[in-house]
Each structure stands twice: as structure tokens, then as C-alpha cells.
């Protein structure tokens, strides 16, 4: 039980870090020529780490890790779309 909770948190954390690494492409696009190697290395390293974790875990720890990853990904997408809809509604009210 405790291991699955810890792996849930680890999975959520790794998803946060992976999404942040992906957003670095957008954030540093104006100087992507200087930073592309570091960004790519971080994304590849995190993906390999997650692959190693997924291949070594079993049972409740594996399901906790996967649920942590999926939960944060869904949370991130939902929050993004709620924010976009809020911005759209605010702009529509101004007109």
C-alpha cells in the first residue's frame, strides 16, 4: 500500500518533469539552436528512466506509477482547457 502511494507520487513527479522539459522547447524557441541538445538529452534521459522503472516494477507498485503518470497528464490537460475556456469567456464578455 505505501509502496504504491510512493510510486504514484514518483510517477506524477516524473510526468511533471517530462512535461516541463517539453515546454522548454516552446520557452526557449527564440534560442533553440543553443539549447536543443540539452533539452533533447533531458527528454531522452527521462524517457529512458521511465522505461527502466516500468520494466522493473510489478503489481501494485507498477499500477501506482502508471496511475500517477496518467492522473497528472489528465489533470494538466483539463487545467489547460479550463484556462483556455476561461480566457475565451473573459474575452467574449469584453466585446
PDB file of N, CA and C in Angstrom:
ATOM      1  N   UNK A   1       0.822  -1.193   0.000  1.00  0.00           N
ATOM      2  CA  UNK A   1       0.000   0.000   0.000  1.00  0.00           C
ATOM      3  C   UNK A   1       0.864   1.254   0.000  1.00  0.00           C
ATOM      4  N   UNK A   2       1.829   1.330   0.905  1.00  0.00           N
ATOM      5  CA  UNK A   2       2.689   2.509   0.981  1.00  0.00           C
ATOM      6  C   UNK A   2       3.556   2.596  -0.264  1.00  0.00           C
ATOM      7  N   UNK A   3       4.038   1.456  -0.759  1.00  0.00           N
ATOM      8  CA  UNK A   3       4.860   1.461  -1.963  1.00  0.00           C
ATOM      9  C   UNK A   3       4.067   1.964  -3.164  1.00  0.00           C
ATOM     10  N   UNK A   4       2.803   1.576  -3.269  1.00  0.00           N
ATOM     11  CA  UNK A   4       2.010   2.038  -4.407  1.00  0.00           C
ATOM     12  C   UNK A   4       1.740   3.542  -4.305  1.00  0.00           C
ATOM     13  N   UNK A   5       1.563   4.067  -3.091  1.00  0.00           N
ATOM     14  CA  UNK A   5       1.372   5.512  -2.920  1.00  0.00           C
ATOM     15  C   UNK A   5       2.653   6.259  -3.289  1.00  0.00           C
ATOM     16  N   UNK A   6       3.781   5.747  -2.836  1.00  0.00           N
ATOM     17  CA  UNK A   6       5.062   6.373  -3.167  1.00  0.00           C
ATOM     18  C   UNK A   6       5.290   6.341  -4.671  1.00  0.00           C
ATOM     19  N   UNK A   7       4.993   5.220  -5.313  1.00  0.00           N
ATOM     20  CA  UNK A   7       5.184   5.124  -6.758  1.00  0.00           C
ATOM     21  C   UNK A   7       4.196   6.006  -7.512  1.00  0.00           C
ATOM     22  N   UNK A   8       2.990   6.204  -6.963  1.00  0.00           N
ATOM     23  CA  UNK A   8       2.047   7.150  -7.553  1.00  0.00           C
ATOM     24  C   UNK A   8       2.660   8.547  -7.561  1.00  0.00           C
ATOM     25  N   UNK A   9       3.238   8.952  -6.429  1.00  0.00           N
ATOM     26  CA  UNK A   9       3.855  10.267  -6.332  1.00  0.00           C
ATOM     27  C   UNK A   9       5.085  10.385  -7.228  1.00  0.00           C
ATOM     28  N   UNK A  10       5.871   9.317  -7.309  1.00  0.00           N
ATOM     29  CA  UNK A  10       7.040   9.320  -8.196  1.00  0.00           C
ATOM     30  C   UNK A  10       6.591   9.441  -9.652  1.00  0.00           C
ATOM     31  N   UNK A  11       5.552   8.712 -10.021  1.00  0.00           N
ATOM     32  CA  UNK A  11       5.029   8.789 -11.385  1.00  0.00           C
ATOM     33  C   UNK A  11       4.519  10.173 -11.717  1.00  0.00           C
ATOM     34  N   UNK A  12       3.788  10.788 -10.793  1.00  0.00           N
ATOM     35  CA  UNK A  12       3.290  12.144 -11.021  1.00  0.00           C
ATOM     36  C   UNK A  12       4.458  13.129 -11.147  1.00  0.00           C
ATOM     37  N   UNK A  13       5.454  12.975 -10.298  1.00  0.00           N
ATOM     38  CA  UNK A  13       6.613  13.868 -10.349  1.00  0.00           C
ATOM     39  C   UNK A  13       7.364  13.731 -11.670  1.00  0.00           C
ATOM     40  N   UNK A  14       7.585  12.505 -12.112  1.00  0.00           N
ATOM     41  CA  UNK A  14       8.294  12.315 -13.373  1.00  0.00           C
ATOM     42  C   UNK A  14       7.490  12.858 -14.550  1.00  0.00           C
ATOM     43  N   UNK A  15       6.168  12.779 -14.489  1.00  0.00           N
ATOM     44  CA  UNK A  15       5.352  13.353 -15.558  1.00  0.00           C
ATOM     45  C   UNK A  15       5.458  14.877 -15.550  1.00  0.00           C
ATOM     46  N   UNK A  16       5.490  15.479 -14.357  1.00  0.00           N
ATOM     47  CA  UNK A  16       5.660  16.928 -14.261  1.00  0.00           C
ATOM     48  C   UNK A  16       6.988  17.350 -14.887  1.00  0.00           C
ATOM     49  N   UNK A  17       8.054  16.629 -14.552  1.00  0.00           N
ATOM     50  CA  UNK A  17       9.381  16.973 -15.065  1.00  0.00           C
ATOM     51  C   UNK A  17       9.441  16.759 -16.579  1.00  0.00           C
ATOM     52  N   UNK A  18       8.819  15.696 -17.080  1.00  0.00           N
ATOM     53  CA  UNK A  18       8.822  15.435 -18.516  1.00  0.00           C
ATOM     54  C   UNK A  18       8.032  16.502 -19.268  1.00  0.00           C
ATOM     55  N   UNK A  19       6.889  16.898 -18.749  1.00  0.00           N
ATOM     56  CA  UNK A  19       6.125  17.968 -19.386  1.00  0.00           C
ATOM     57  C   UNK A  19       6.882  19.292 -19.344  1.00  0.00           C
ATOM     58  N   UNK A  20       7.556  19.571 -18.235  1.00  0.00           N
ATOM     59  CA  UNK A  20       8.348  20.800 -18.139  1.00  0.00           C
ATOM     60  C   UNK A  20       9.485  20.793 -19.159  1.00  0.00           C
ATOM     61  N   UNK A  21      10.109  19.647 -19.366  1.00  0.00           N
ATOM     62  CA  UNK A  21      11.164  19.549 -20.372  1.00  0.00           C
ATOM     63  C   UNK A  21      10.592  19.777 -21.767  1.00  0.00           C
ATOM     64  N   UNK A  22       9.392  19.285 -22.007  1.00  0.00           N
ATOM     65  CA  UNK A  22       8.749  19.524 -23.302  1.00  0.00           C
ATOM     66  C   UNK A  22       8.411  20.991 -23.504  1.00  0.00           C
ATOM     67  N   UNK A  23       7.982  21.657 -22.452  1.00  0.00           N
ATOM     68  CA  UNK A  23       7.660  23.077 -22.560  1.00  0.00           C
ATOM     69  C   UNK A  23       8.903  23.950 -22.727  1.00  0.00           C
ATOM     70  N   UNK A  24      10.055  23.432 -22.375  1.00  0.00           N
ATOM     71  CA  UNK A  24      11.292  24.202 -22.591  1.00  0.00           C
ATOM     72  C   UNK A  24      11.514  24.461 -24.066  1.00  0.00           C
ATOM     73  N   UNK A  25      11.029  23.568 -24.922  1.00  0.00           N
ATOM     74  CA  UNK A  25      11.156  23.789 -26.364  1.00  0.00           C
ATOM     75  C   UNK A  25      10.430  25.069 -26.744  1.00  0.00           C
ATOM     76  N   UNK A  26       9.233  25.257 -26.224  1.00  0.00           N
ATOM     77  CA  UNK A  26       8.453  26.455 -26.525  1.00  0.00           C
ATOM     78  C   UNK A  26       9.084  27.679 -25.856  1.00  0.00           C
ATOM     79  N   UNK A  27       9.482  27.530 -24.605  1.00  0.00           N
ATOM     80  CA  UNK A  27      10.032  28.662 -23.859  1.00  0.00           C
ATOM     81  C   UNK A  27      11.330  29.189 -24.461  1.00  0.00           C
ATOM     82  N   UNK A  28      12.153  28.300 -24.977  1.00  0.00           N
ATOM     83  CA  UNK A  28      13.463  28.700 -25.491  1.00  0.00           C
ATOM     84  C   UNK A  28      13.521  28.678 -27.016  1.00  0.00           C
ATOM     85  N   UNK A  29      12.373  28.764 -27.668  1.00  0.00           N
ATOM     86  CA  UNK A  29      12.360  28.652 -29.122  1.00  0.00           C
ATOM     87  C   UNK A  29      13.181  29.748 -29.796  1.00  0.00           C
ATOM     88  N   UNK A  30      13.218  30.926 -29.203  1.00  0.00           N
ATOM     89  CA  UNK A  30      13.967  32.027 -29.809  1.00  0.00           C
ATOM     90  C   UNK A  30      15.467  31.756 -29.832  1.00  0.00           C
ATOM     91  N   UNK A  31      15.944  30.856 -28.975  1.00  0.00           N
ATOM     92  CA  UNK A  31      17.360  30.473 -28.955  1.00  0.00           C
ATOM     93  C   UNK A  31      17.511  28.957 -28.977  1.00  0.00           C
ATOM     94  N   UNK A  32      16.631  28.287 -29.716  1.00  0.00           N
ATOM     95  CA  UNK A  32      16.629  26.821 -29.712  1.00  0.00           C
ATOM     96  C   UNK A  32      17.958  26.247 -30.200  1.00  0.00           C
ATOM     97  N   UNK A  33      18.657  26.975 -31.049  1.00  0.00           N
ATOM     98  CA  UNK A  33      19.942  26.494 -31.545  1.00  0.00           C
ATOM     99  C   UNK A  33      20.978  26.304 -30.442  1.00  0.00           C
ATOM    100  N   UNK A  34      20.849  27.084 -29.380  1.00  0.00           N
ATOM    101  CA  UNK A  34      21.796  26.982 -28.268  1.00  0.00           C
ATOM    102  C   UNK A  34      21.414  25.916 -27.251  1.00  0.00           C
ATOM    103  N   UNK A  35      20.128  25.581 -27.177  1.00  0.00           N
ATOM    104  CA  UNK A  35      19.651  24.723 -26.091  1.00  0.00           C
ATOM    105  C   UNK A  35      19.077  23.383 -26.542  1.00  0.00           C
ATOM    106  N   UNK A  36      19.008  23.105 -27.833  1.00  0.00           N
ATOM    107  CA  UNK A  36      18.317  21.903 -28.292  1.00  0.00           C
ATOM    108  C   UNK A  36      18.966  20.628 -27.777  1.00  0.00           C
ATOM    109  N   UNK A  37      20.280  20.606 -27.678  1.00  0.00           N
ATOM    110  CA  UNK A  37      20.958  19.377 -27.237  1.00  0.00           C
ATOM    111  C   UNK A  37      20.625  19.054 -25.776  1.00  0.00           C
ATOM    112  N   UNK A  38      20.627  20.068 -24.916  1.00  0.00           N
ATOM    113  CA  UNK A  38      20.296  19.845 -23.510  1.00  0.00           C
ATOM    114  C   UNK A  38      18.851  19.430 -23.321  1.00  0.00           C
ATOM    115  N   UNK A  39      17.959  20.065 -24.065  1.00  0.00           N
ATOM    116  CA  UNK A  39      16.538  19.719 -23.974  1.00  0.00           C
ATOM    117  C   UNK A  39      16.315  18.294 -24.445  1.00  0.00           C
ATOM    118  N   UNK A  40      16.894  17.948 -25.575  1.00  0.00           N
ATOM    119  CA  UNK A  40      16.737  16.597 -26.110  1.00  0.00           C
ATOM    120  C   UNK A  40      17.341  15.558 -25.167  1.00  0.00           C
ATOM    121  N   UNK A  41      18.491  15.861 -24.588  1.00  0.00           N
ATOM    122  CA  UNK A  41      19.127  14.927 -23.650  1.00  0.00           C
ATOM    123  C   UNK A  41      18.245  14.695 -22.427  1.00  0.00           C
ATOM    124  N   UNK A  42      17.624  15.762 -21.915  1.00  0.00           N
ATOM    125  CA  UNK A  42      16.773  15.618 -20.738  1.00  0.00           C
ATOM    126  C   UNK A  42      15.536  14.794 -21.066  1.00  0.00           C
ATOM    127  N   UNK A  43      14.916  15.040 -22.219  1.00  0.00           N
ATOM    128  CA  UNK A  43      13.722  14.291 -22.606  1.00  0.00           C
ATOM    129  C   UNK A  43      14.064  12.818 -22.816  1.00  0.00           C
ATOM    130  N   UNK A  44      15.168  12.547 -23.501  1.00  0.00           N
ATOM    131  CA  UNK A  44      15.572  11.162 -23.734  1.00  0.00           C
ATOM    132  C   UNK A  44      15.932  10.480 -22.412  1.00  0.00           C
ATOM    133  N   UNK A  45      16.657  11.182 -21.548  1.00  0.00           N
ATOM    134  CA  UNK A  45      17.027  10.610 -20.248  1.00  0.00           C
ATOM    135  C   UNK A  45      15.809  10.286 -19.389  1.00  0.00           C
ATOM    136  N   UNK A  46      14.850  11.202 -19.340  1.00  0.00           N
ATOM    137  CA  UNK A  46      13.633  10.952 -18.563  1.00  0.00           C
ATOM    138  C   UNK A  46      12.819   9.805 -19.149  1.00  0.00           C
ATOM    139  N   UNK A  47      12.752   9.746 -20.470  1.00  0.00           N
ATOM    140  CA  UNK A  47      12.019   8.656 -21.114  1.00  0.00           C
ATOM    141  C   UNK A  47      12.680   7.312 -20.824  1.00  0.00           C
ATOM    142  N   UNK A  48      14.004   7.268 -20.882  1.00  0.00           N
ATOM    143  CA  UNK A  48      14.709   6.026 -20.543  1.00  0.00           C
ATOM    144  C   UNK A  48      14.513   5.654 -19.077  1.00  0.00           C
ATOM    145  N   UNK A  49      14.569   6.641 -18.181  1.00  0.00           N
ATOM    146  CA  UNK A  49      14.335   6.375 -16.757  1.00  0.00           C
ATOM    147  C   UNK A  49      12.944   5.803 -16.540  1.00  0.00           C
ATOM    148  N   UNK A  50      11.944   6.386 -17.188  1.00  0.00           N
ATOM    149  CA  UNK A  50      10.588   5.870 -17.044  1.00  0.00           C
ATOM    150  C   UNK A  50      10.464   4.468 -17.633  1.00  0.00           C
ATOM    151  N   UNK A  51      11.142   4.215 -18.735  1.00  0.00           N
ATOM    152  CA  UNK A  51      11.133   2.871 -19.306  1.00  0.00           C
ATOM    153  C   UNK A  51      11.757   1.844 -18.376  1.00  0.00           C
ATOM    154  N   UNK A  52      12.855   2.225 -17.742  1.00  0.00           N
ATOM    155  CA  UNK A  52      13.509   1.323 -16.787  1.00  0.00           C
ATOM    156  C   UNK A  52      12.592   1.064 -15.596  1.00  0.00           C
ATOM    157  N   UNK A  53      11.969   2.122 -15.091  1.00  0.00           N
ATOM    158  CA  UNK A  53      11.054   1.965 -13.955  1.00  0.00           C
ATOM    159  C   UNK A  53       9.889   1.069 -14.346  1.00  0.00           C
ATOM    160  N   UNK A  54       9.310   1.309 -15.519  1.00  0.00           N
ATOM    161  CA  UNK A  54       8.167   0.495 -15.959  1.00  0.00           C
ATOM    162  C   UNK A  54       8.550  -0.970 -16.155  1.00  0.00           C
ATOM    163  N   UNK A  55       9.774  -1.210 -16.618  1.00  0.00           N
ATOM    164  CA  UNK A  55      10.164  -2.602 -16.864  1.00  0.00           C
ATOM    165  C   UNK A  55      10.544  -3.345 -15.590  1.00  0.00           C
ATOM    166  N   UNK A  56      10.873  -2.616 -14.523  1.00  0.00           N
ATOM    167  CA  UNK A  56      11.282  -3.296 -13.294  1.00  0.00           C
ATOM    168  C   UNK A  56      10.161  -3.433 -12.265  1.00  0.00           C
ATOM    169  N   UNK A  57       9.149  -2.594 -12.329  1.00  0.00           N
ATOM    170  CA  UNK A  57       8.075  -2.662 -11.340  1.00  0.00           C
ATOM    171  C   UNK A  57       7.078  -3.762 -11.674  1.00  0.00           C
ATOM    172  N   UNK A  58       6.424  -4.247 -10.646  1.00  0.00           N
ATOM    173  CA  UNK A  58       5.362  -5.234 -10.834  1.00  0.00           C
ATOM    174  C   UNK A  58       4.238  -4.942  -9.838  1.00  0.00           C
ATOM    175  N   UNK A  59       3.090  -5.481 -10.121  1.00  0.00           N
ATOM    176  CA  UNK A  59       1.964  -5.437  -9.185  1.00  0.00           C
ATOM    177  C   UNK A  59       1.454  -4.050  -8.860  1.00  0.00           C
ATOM    178  N   UNK A  60       1.213  -3.838  -7.565  1.00  0.00           N
ATOM    179  CA  UNK A  60       0.645  -2.569  -7.106  1.00  0.00           C
ATOM    180  C   UNK A  60       1.578  -1.386  -7.351  1.00  0.00           C
ATOM    181  N   UNK A  61       2.868  -1.596  -7.256  1.00  0.00           N
ATOM    182  CA  UNK A  61       3.819  -0.504  -7.490  1.00  0.00           C
ATOM    183  C   UNK A  61       3.739  -0.038  -8.938  1.00  0.00           C
ATOM    184  N   UNK A  62       3.632  -0.980  -9.867  1.00  0.00           N
ATOM    185  CA  UNK A  62       3.505  -0.635 -11.282  1.00  0.00           C
ATOM    186  C   UNK A  62       2.214   0.114 -11.556  1.00  0.00           C
ATOM    187  N   UNK A  63       1.115  -0.366 -11.013  1.00  0.00           N
ATOM    188  CA  UNK A  63      -0.154   0.322 -11.239  1.00  0.00           C
ATOM    189  C   UNK A  63      -0.159   1.694 -10.579  1.00  0.00           C
ATOM    190  N   UNK A  64       0.452   1.836  -9.418  1.00  0.00           N
ATOM    191  CA  UNK A  64       0.555   3.142  -8.773  1.00  0.00           C
ATOM    192  C   UNK A  64       1.350   4.128  -9.613  1.00  0.00           C
ATOM    193  N   UNK A  65       2.458   3.656 -10.170  1.00  0.00           N
ATOM    194  CA  UNK A  65       3.289   4.514 -11.021  1.00  0.00           C
ATOM    195  C   UNK A  65       2.522   4.959 -12.261  1.00  0.00           C
ATOM    196  N   UNK A  66       1.871   4.016 -12.919  1.00  0.00           N
ATOM    197  CA  UNK A  66       1.115   4.345 -14.130  1.00  0.00           C
ATOM    198  C   UNK A  66      -0.038   5.289 -13.810  1.00  0.00           C
ATOM    199  N   UNK A  67      -0.754   5.046 -12.712  1.00  0.00           N
ATOM    200  CA  UNK A  67      -1.848   5.930 -12.319  1.00  0.00           C
ATOM    201  C   UNK A  67      -1.338   7.323 -11.991  1.00  0.00           C
ATOM    202  N   UNK A  68      -0.176   7.430 -11.388  1.00  0.00           N
ATOM    203  CA  UNK A  68       0.414   8.739 -11.106  1.00  0.00           C
ATOM    204  C   UNK A  68       0.715   9.498 -12.383  1.00  0.00           C
ATOM    205  N   UNK A  69       1.281   8.793 -13.354  1.00  0.00           N
ATOM    206  CA  UNK A  69       1.588   9.422 -14.636  1.00  0.00           C
ATOM    207  C   UNK A  69       0.317   9.871 -15.345  1.00  0.00           C
ATOM    208  N   UNK A  70      -0.639   8.962 -15.459  1.00  0.00           N
ATOM    209  CA  UNK A  70      -1.875   9.282 -16.174  1.00  0.00           C
ATOM    210  C   UNK A  70      -2.698  10.344 -15.457  1.00  0.00           C
ATOM    211  N   UNK A  71      -2.751  10.283 -14.144  1.00  0.00           N
ATOM    212  CA  UNK A  71      -3.533  11.266 -13.387  1.00  0.00           C
ATOM    213  C   UNK A  71      -2.999  12.671 -13.596  1.00  0.00           C
ATOM    214  N   UNK A  72      -1.679  12.829 -13.530  1.00  0.00           N
ATOM    215  CA  UNK A  72      -1.149  14.172 -13.724  1.00  0.00           C
ATOM    216  C   UNK A  72      -1.313  14.627 -15.166  1.00  0.00           C
ATOM    217  N   UNK A  73      -1.153  13.731 -16.117  1.00  0.00           N
ATOM    218  CA  UNK A  73      -1.326  14.114 -17.516  1.00  0.00           C
ATOM    219  C   UNK A  73      -2.752  14.582 -17.776  1.00  0.00           C
ATOM    220  N   UNK A  74      -3.729  13.842 -17.283  1.00  0.00           N
ATOM    221  CA  UNK A  74      -5.133  14.247 -17.447  1.00  0.00           C
ATOM    222  C   UNK A  74      -5.393  15.562 -16.708  1.00  0.00           C
ATOM    223  N   UNK A  75      -4.879  15.697 -15.490  1.00  0.00           N
ATOM    224  CA  UNK A  75      -5.027  16.939 -14.733  1.00  0.00           C
ATOM    225  C   UNK A  75      -4.461  18.120 -15.509  1.00  0.00           C
ATOM    226  N   UNK A  76      -3.282  17.950 -16.084  1.00  0.00           N
ATOM    227  CA  UNK A  76      -2.633  19.013 -16.839  1.00  0.00           C
ATOM    228  C   UNK A  76      -3.468  19.411 -18.056  1.00  0.00           C
ATOM    229  N   UNK A  77      -3.965  18.440 -18.777  1.00  0.00           N
ATOM    230  CA  UNK A  77      -4.767  18.729 -19.961  1.00  0.00           C
ATOM    231  C   UNK A  77      -6.073  19.415 -19.581  1.00  0.00           C
ATOM    232  N   UNK A  78      -6.740  18.924 -18.546  1.00  0.00           N
ATOM    233  CA  UNK A  78      -8.009  19.522 -18.116  1.00  0.00           C
ATOM    234  C   UNK A  78      -7.793  20.957 -17.649  1.00  0.00           C
ATOM    235  N   UNK A  79      -6.766  21.206 -16.849  1.00  0.00           N
ATOM    236  CA  UNK A  79      -6.486  22.556 -16.375  1.00  0.00           C
ATOM    237  C   UNK A  79      -6.169  23.474 -17.551  1.00  0.00           C
ATOM    238  N   UNK A  80      -5.427  22.975 -18.537  1.00  0.00           N
ATOM    239  CA  UNK A  80      -5.111  23.773 -19.715  1.00  0.00           C
ATOM    240  C   UNK A  80      -6.385  24.190 -20.437  1.00  0.00           C
ATOM    241  N   UNK A  81      -7.291  23.249 -20.645  1.00  0.00           N
ATOM    242  CA  UNK A  81      -8.516  23.572 -21.375  1.00  0.00           C
ATOM    243  C   UNK A  81      -9.465  24.433 -20.552  1.00  0.00           C
ATOM    244  N   UNK A  82      -9.513  24.240 -19.246  1.00  0.00           N
ATOM    245  CA  UNK A  82     -10.336  25.114 -18.401  1.00  0.00           C
ATOM    246  C   UNK A  82      -9.798  26.540 -18.462  1.00  0.00           C
ATOM    247  N   UNK A  83      -8.482  26.697 -18.419  1.00  0.00           N
ATOM    248  CA  UNK A  83      -7.887  28.026 -18.517  1.00  0.00           C
ATOM    249  C   UNK A  83      -8.187  28.648 -19.873  1.00  0.00           C
ATOM    250  N   UNK A  84      -8.085  27.869 -20.936  1.00  0.00           N
ATOM    251  CA  UNK A  84      -8.381  28.397 -22.272  1.00  0.00           C
ATOM    252  C   UNK A  84      -9.838  28.831 -22.375  1.00  0.00           C
ATOM    253  N   UNK A  85     -10.745  28.035 -21.813  1.00  0.00           N
ATOM    254  CA  UNK A  85     -12.163  28.404 -21.853  1.00  0.00           C
ATOM    255  C   UNK A  85     -12.409  29.654 -21.010  1.00  0.00           C
ATOM    256  N   UNK A  86     -11.739  29.798 -19.874  1.00  0.00           N
ATOM    257  CA  UNK A  86     -11.863  30.993 -19.053  1.00  0.00           C
ATOM    258  C   UNK A  86     -11.393  32.232 -19.792  1.00  0.00           C
ATOM    259  N   UNK A  87     -10.288  32.115 -20.484  1.00  0.00           N
ATOM    260  CA  UNK A  87      -9.782  33.241 -21.279  1.00  0.00           C
ATOM    261  C   UNK A  87     -10.772  33.584 -22.392  1.00  0.00           C
ATOM    262  N   UNK A  88     -11.305  32.573 -23.042  1.00  0.00           N
ATOM    263  CA  UNK A  88     -12.278  32.804 -24.112  1.00  0.00           C
ATOM    264  C   UNK A  88     -13.527  33.503 -23.571  1.00  0.00           C
ATOM    265  N   UNK A  89     -14.024  33.075 -22.416  1.00  0.00           N
ATOM    266  CA  UNK A  89     -15.219  33.677 -21.831  1.00  0.00           C
ATOM    267  C   UNK A  89     -14.945  35.128 -21.421  1.00  0.00           C
ATOM    268  N   UNK A  90     -13.781  35.394 -20.827  1.00  0.00           N
ATOM    269  CA  UNK A  90     -13.438  36.763 -20.440  1.00  0.00           C
ATOM    270  C   UNK A  90     -13.333  37.675 -21.659  1.00  0.00           C
ATOM    271  N   UNK A  91     -12.740  37.185 -22.738  1.00  0.00           N
ATOM    272  CA  UNK A  91     -12.633  37.989 -23.949  1.00  0.00           C
ATOM    273  C   UNK A  91     -13.999  38.213 -24.583  1.00  0.00           C
ATOM    274  N   UNK A  92     -14.866  37.227 -24.519  1.00  0.00           N
ATOM    275  CA  UNK A  92     -16.206  37.369 -25.078  1.00  0.00           C
ATOM    276  C   UNK A  92     -17.020  38.390 -24.290  1.00  0.00           C
ATOM    277  N   UNK A  93     -16.837  38.454 -22.983  1.00  0.00           N
ATOM    278  CA  UNK A  93     -17.560  39.430 -22.150  1.00  0.00           C
ATOM    279  C   UNK A  93     -17.089  40.847 -22.408  1.00  0.00           C
ATOM    280  N   UNK A  94     -15.818  41.016 -22.757  1.00  0.00           N
ATOM    281  CA  UNK A  94     -15.303  42.357 -23.034  1.00  0.00           C
ATOM    282  C   UNK A  94     -15.897  42.953 -24.297  1.00  0.00           C
ATOM    283  N   UNK A  95     -16.267  42.113 -25.241  1.00  0.00           N
ATOM    284  CA  UNK A  95     -16.805  42.603 -26.527  1.00  0.00           C
ATOM    285  C   UNK A  95     -18.179  43.043 -26.404  1.00  0.00           C
TER     286      UNK A  95
END
